[in-house]
Amino acid sequence: MTEASKKPANRRIIWPVALFVLIMFAFGFALVPLYDVFCELTGLNGKIKSEAVAEVAFKPDLSRTVSVEFVTNDQSEMKTIKTYYEE
């Protein structure tokens, strides 16, 4: 292909590529309102309605006892691995 035959091919492809770029740019701007509508309909992704809801006060049940047990393991059976940086 010579330089003279490449110019018409380049000019022919520039308009579809430019149109594609403009459509993708417009789609990026259209996503924000579409996302807001989607979140309003489904209630997903942290978008919530701005209505205030009062929390119900609760009293702790003092008749119950809770025991907490911490289990640890020092892995003393594990073999040591020699390192190359021993002093």
N, C-alpha and C. Protein backbone atom coordinates (compact mmCIF):
# COMPACT_ATOMS: atom_id res chain seq x y z
N MET A 1 0.84 -1.18 0.00
CA MET A 1 0.00 0.00 0.00
C MET A 1 0.88 1.24 0.00
N THR A 2 0.58 2.16 -0.85
CA THR A 2 1.37 3.39 -0.93
C THR A 2 0.74 4.46 -0.04
N GLU A 3 1.49 5.52 0.16
CA GLU A 3 0.98 6.62 0.99
C GLU A 3 -0.28 7.24 0.37
N ALA A 4 -0.35 7.31 -0.93
CA ALA A 4 -1.51 7.91 -1.59
C ALA A 4 -2.77 7.06 -1.39
N SER A 5 -2.61 5.74 -1.34
CA SER A 5 -3.79 4.89 -1.15
C SER A 5 -4.21 4.79 0.31
N LYS A 6 -3.32 5.17 1.24
CA LYS A 6 -3.67 5.12 2.67
C LYS A 6 -4.55 6.30 3.07
N LYS A 7 -4.40 7.45 2.42
CA LYS A 7 -5.16 8.64 2.82
C LYS A 7 -6.66 8.45 2.71
N PRO A 8 -7.22 7.92 1.62
CA PRO A 8 -8.67 7.71 1.59
C PRO A 8 -9.15 6.72 2.65
N ALA A 9 -8.35 5.70 2.91
CA ALA A 9 -8.73 4.72 3.93
C ALA A 9 -8.74 5.36 5.32
N ASN A 10 -7.75 6.22 5.57
CA ASN A 10 -7.70 6.91 6.85
C ASN A 10 -8.87 7.87 7.02
N ARG A 11 -9.21 8.57 5.94
CA ARG A 11 -10.33 9.51 6.01
C ARG A 11 -11.66 8.78 6.17
N ARG A 12 -11.74 7.60 5.60
CA ARG A 12 -12.97 6.83 5.69
C ARG A 12 -13.19 6.30 7.11
N ILE A 13 -12.13 6.00 7.84
CA ILE A 13 -12.26 5.41 9.18
C ILE A 13 -12.37 6.47 10.27
N ILE A 14 -11.95 7.71 9.98
CA ILE A 14 -11.93 8.73 11.02
C ILE A 14 -13.33 9.08 11.52
N TRP A 15 -14.34 9.15 10.65
CA TRP A 15 -15.68 9.52 11.08
C TRP A 15 -16.35 8.46 11.95
N PRO A 16 -16.28 7.19 11.62
CA PRO A 16 -16.86 6.19 12.55
C PRO A 16 -16.15 6.16 13.90
N VAL A 17 -14.84 6.35 13.90
CA VAL A 17 -14.11 6.35 15.17
C VAL A 17 -14.48 7.58 15.99
N ALA A 18 -14.57 8.75 15.35
CA ALA A 18 -14.95 9.97 16.07
C ALA A 18 -16.37 9.86 16.61
N LEU A 19 -17.26 9.28 15.82
CA LEU A 19 -18.64 9.09 16.27
C LEU A 19 -18.69 8.14 17.47
N PHE A 20 -17.92 7.08 17.41
CA PHE A 20 -17.85 6.13 18.53
C PHE A 20 -17.35 6.81 19.80
N VAL A 21 -16.32 7.65 19.67
CA VAL A 21 -15.78 8.36 20.83
C VAL A 21 -16.83 9.29 21.42
N LEU A 22 -17.55 10.01 20.59
CA LEU A 22 -18.60 10.91 21.09
C LEU A 22 -19.73 10.15 21.77
N ILE A 23 -20.12 9.02 21.20
CA ILE A 23 -21.18 8.22 21.82
C ILE A 23 -20.73 7.69 23.18
N MET A 24 -19.50 7.23 23.28
CA MET A 24 -19.01 6.72 24.56
C MET A 24 -18.90 7.85 25.59
N PHE A 25 -18.52 9.04 25.17
CA PHE A 25 -18.45 10.18 26.07
C PHE A 25 -19.84 10.54 26.59
N ALA A 26 -20.82 10.55 25.69
CA ALA A 26 -22.20 10.85 26.09
C ALA A 26 -22.75 9.75 27.00
N PHE A 27 -22.39 8.51 26.74
CA PHE A 27 -22.83 7.41 27.57
C PHE A 27 -22.28 7.55 28.99
N GLY A 28 -21.05 8.02 29.12
CA GLY A 28 -20.46 8.25 30.43
C GLY A 28 -21.24 9.28 31.23
N PHE A 29 -21.70 10.34 30.58
CA PHE A 29 -22.52 11.33 31.27
C PHE A 29 -23.92 10.79 31.57
N ALA A 30 -24.44 9.94 30.73
CA ALA A 30 -25.78 9.38 30.95
C ALA A 30 -25.79 8.37 32.08
N LEU A 31 -24.64 7.80 32.43
CA LEU A 31 -24.61 6.78 33.48
C LEU A 31 -24.96 7.35 34.86
N VAL A 32 -24.64 8.60 35.12
CA VAL A 32 -24.90 9.16 36.45
C VAL A 32 -26.40 9.20 36.74
N PRO A 33 -27.24 9.78 35.89
CA PRO A 33 -28.68 9.73 36.19
C PRO A 33 -29.25 8.32 36.15
N LEU A 34 -28.74 7.49 35.26
CA LEU A 34 -29.22 6.11 35.22
C LEU A 34 -28.88 5.37 36.51
N TYR A 35 -27.69 5.62 37.05
CA TYR A 35 -27.29 5.01 38.31
C TYR A 35 -28.19 5.48 39.45
N ASP A 36 -28.51 6.78 39.46
CA ASP A 36 -29.40 7.30 40.51
C ASP A 36 -30.78 6.65 40.44
N VAL A 37 -31.31 6.48 39.25
CA VAL A 37 -32.63 5.84 39.10
C VAL A 37 -32.55 4.39 39.53
N PHE A 38 -31.50 3.69 39.12
CA PHE A 38 -31.33 2.29 39.50
C PHE A 38 -31.26 2.14 41.02
N CYS A 39 -30.48 2.99 41.67
CA CYS A 39 -30.34 2.90 43.13
C CYS A 39 -31.64 3.27 43.84
N GLU A 40 -32.38 4.19 43.29
CA GLU A 40 -33.65 4.56 43.91
C GLU A 40 -34.65 3.41 43.80
N LEU A 41 -34.66 2.72 42.68
CA LEU A 41 -35.59 1.61 42.50
C LEU A 41 -35.22 0.39 43.33
N THR A 42 -33.94 0.08 43.42
CA THR A 42 -33.52 -1.15 44.09
C THR A 42 -33.04 -0.93 45.52
N GLY A 43 -32.59 0.28 45.85
CA GLY A 43 -32.06 0.53 47.18
C GLY A 43 -30.68 -0.03 47.39
N LEU A 44 -29.93 -0.22 46.31
CA LEU A 44 -28.60 -0.80 46.40
C LEU A 44 -27.51 0.27 46.41
N ASN A 45 -26.30 -0.17 46.78
CA ASN A 45 -25.06 0.61 46.66
C ASN A 45 -25.04 1.88 47.50
N GLY A 46 -25.63 1.86 48.65
CA GLY A 46 -25.49 2.96 49.57
C GLY A 46 -26.37 4.15 49.29
N LYS A 47 -27.04 4.16 48.19
CA LYS A 47 -27.97 5.27 47.92
C LYS A 47 -29.26 4.96 48.69
N ILE A 48 -29.59 5.83 49.62
CA ILE A 48 -30.78 5.59 50.43
C ILE A 48 -31.69 6.80 50.33
N LYS A 49 -32.91 6.59 50.67
CA LYS A 49 -33.84 7.71 50.69
C LYS A 49 -33.51 8.61 51.86
N SER A 50 -33.80 9.87 51.75
CA SER A 50 -33.42 10.83 52.78
C SER A 50 -34.47 10.98 53.88
N GLU A 51 -35.31 9.99 54.04
CA GLU A 51 -36.32 10.04 55.09
C GLU A 51 -35.69 9.64 56.42
N ALA A 52 -36.00 10.38 57.46
CA ALA A 52 -35.46 10.08 58.78
C ALA A 52 -36.29 8.98 59.44
N VAL A 53 -35.58 8.05 60.07
CA VAL A 53 -36.24 6.95 60.76
C VAL A 53 -35.75 6.96 62.20
N ALA A 54 -36.69 6.96 63.15
CA ALA A 54 -36.32 6.97 64.56
C ALA A 54 -35.95 5.56 65.00
N GLU A 55 -34.86 5.46 65.77
CA GLU A 55 -34.46 4.15 66.28
C GLU A 55 -35.25 3.84 67.54
N VAL A 56 -35.57 2.57 67.70
CA VAL A 56 -36.30 2.13 68.87
C VAL A 56 -35.29 1.91 69.99
N ALA A 57 -35.55 2.52 71.13
CA ALA A 57 -34.67 2.35 72.27
C ALA A 57 -34.84 0.94 72.84
N PHE A 58 -33.75 0.34 73.26
CA PHE A 58 -33.83 -1.01 73.81
C PHE A 58 -33.11 -1.04 75.15
N LYS A 59 -33.52 -2.01 75.96
CA LYS A 59 -32.89 -2.20 77.26
C LYS A 59 -32.12 -3.51 77.24
N PRO A 60 -30.91 -3.52 77.78
CA PRO A 60 -30.17 -4.78 77.81
C PRO A 60 -30.79 -5.76 78.79
N ASP A 61 -30.68 -7.04 78.46
CA ASP A 61 -31.18 -8.11 79.32
C ASP A 61 -30.10 -8.44 80.34
N LEU A 62 -30.25 -7.95 81.55
CA LEU A 62 -29.23 -8.13 82.59
C LEU A 62 -29.29 -9.50 83.24
N SER A 63 -30.32 -10.29 82.94
CA SER A 63 -30.41 -11.61 83.54
C SER A 63 -29.52 -12.63 82.84
N ARG A 64 -29.00 -12.31 81.69
CA ARG A 64 -28.15 -13.23 80.94
C ARG A 64 -26.69 -12.96 81.25
N THR A 65 -25.91 -14.02 81.22
CA THR A 65 -24.47 -13.88 81.38
C THR A 65 -23.79 -14.33 80.09
N VAL A 66 -22.71 -13.69 79.80
CA VAL A 66 -21.96 -14.00 78.58
C VAL A 66 -20.54 -14.35 78.99
N SER A 67 -20.06 -15.48 78.51
CA SER A 67 -18.67 -15.84 78.78
C SER A 67 -17.89 -15.72 77.48
N VAL A 68 -16.69 -15.14 77.59
CA VAL A 68 -15.83 -14.95 76.43
C VAL A 68 -14.58 -15.78 76.65
N GLU A 69 -14.22 -16.58 75.66
CA GLU A 69 -13.06 -17.44 75.77
C GLU A 69 -12.12 -17.12 74.62
N PHE A 70 -10.87 -16.79 74.95
CA PHE A 70 -9.86 -16.52 73.95
C PHE A 70 -8.99 -17.75 73.79
N VAL A 71 -8.92 -18.26 72.58
CA VAL A 71 -8.13 -19.45 72.29
C VAL A 71 -6.94 -19.01 71.45
N THR A 72 -5.74 -19.39 71.92
CA THR A 72 -4.54 -19.03 71.18
C THR A 72 -3.73 -20.28 70.89
N ASN A 73 -2.80 -20.14 69.96
CA ASN A 73 -1.93 -21.24 69.61
C ASN A 73 -0.56 -20.64 69.29
N ASP A 74 0.47 -21.14 69.96
CA ASP A 74 1.81 -20.60 69.71
C ASP A 74 2.57 -21.39 68.67
N GLN A 75 2.00 -22.46 68.16
CA GLN A 75 2.57 -23.30 67.12
C GLN A 75 3.98 -23.76 67.49
N SER A 76 4.12 -24.27 68.69
CA SER A 76 5.43 -24.71 69.14
C SER A 76 5.89 -25.96 68.41
N GLU A 77 4.97 -26.71 67.82
CA GLU A 77 5.36 -27.91 67.08
C GLU A 77 5.89 -27.58 65.69
N MET A 78 5.75 -26.37 65.26
CA MET A 78 6.16 -25.99 63.92
C MET A 78 7.68 -25.92 63.82
N LYS A 79 8.23 -26.52 62.78
CA LYS A 79 9.67 -26.51 62.59
C LYS A 79 10.12 -25.12 62.16
N THR A 80 11.30 -24.74 62.59
CA THR A 80 11.82 -23.44 62.19
C THR A 80 12.45 -23.54 60.81
N ILE A 81 12.35 -22.50 60.08
CA ILE A 81 12.90 -22.45 58.73
C ILE A 81 14.16 -21.61 58.78
N LYS A 82 15.23 -22.14 58.25
CA LYS A 82 16.48 -21.40 58.25
C LYS A 82 16.39 -20.26 57.25
N THR A 83 16.91 -19.15 57.65
CA THR A 83 16.93 -18.00 56.75
C THR A 83 18.35 -17.77 56.27
N TYR A 84 18.49 -17.09 55.22
CA TYR A 84 19.80 -16.81 54.65
C TYR A 84 20.49 -15.65 55.37
N TYR A 85 19.76 -14.94 56.20
CA TYR A 85 20.32 -13.77 56.85
C TYR A 85 20.63 -14.02 58.32
N GLU A 86 21.03 -15.21 58.67
CA GLU A 86 21.36 -15.52 60.06
C GLU A 86 22.65 -14.82 60.44
N GLU A 87 22.72 -14.38 61.67
CA GLU A 87 23.94 -13.72 62.15
C GLU A 87 24.80 -14.68 62.91
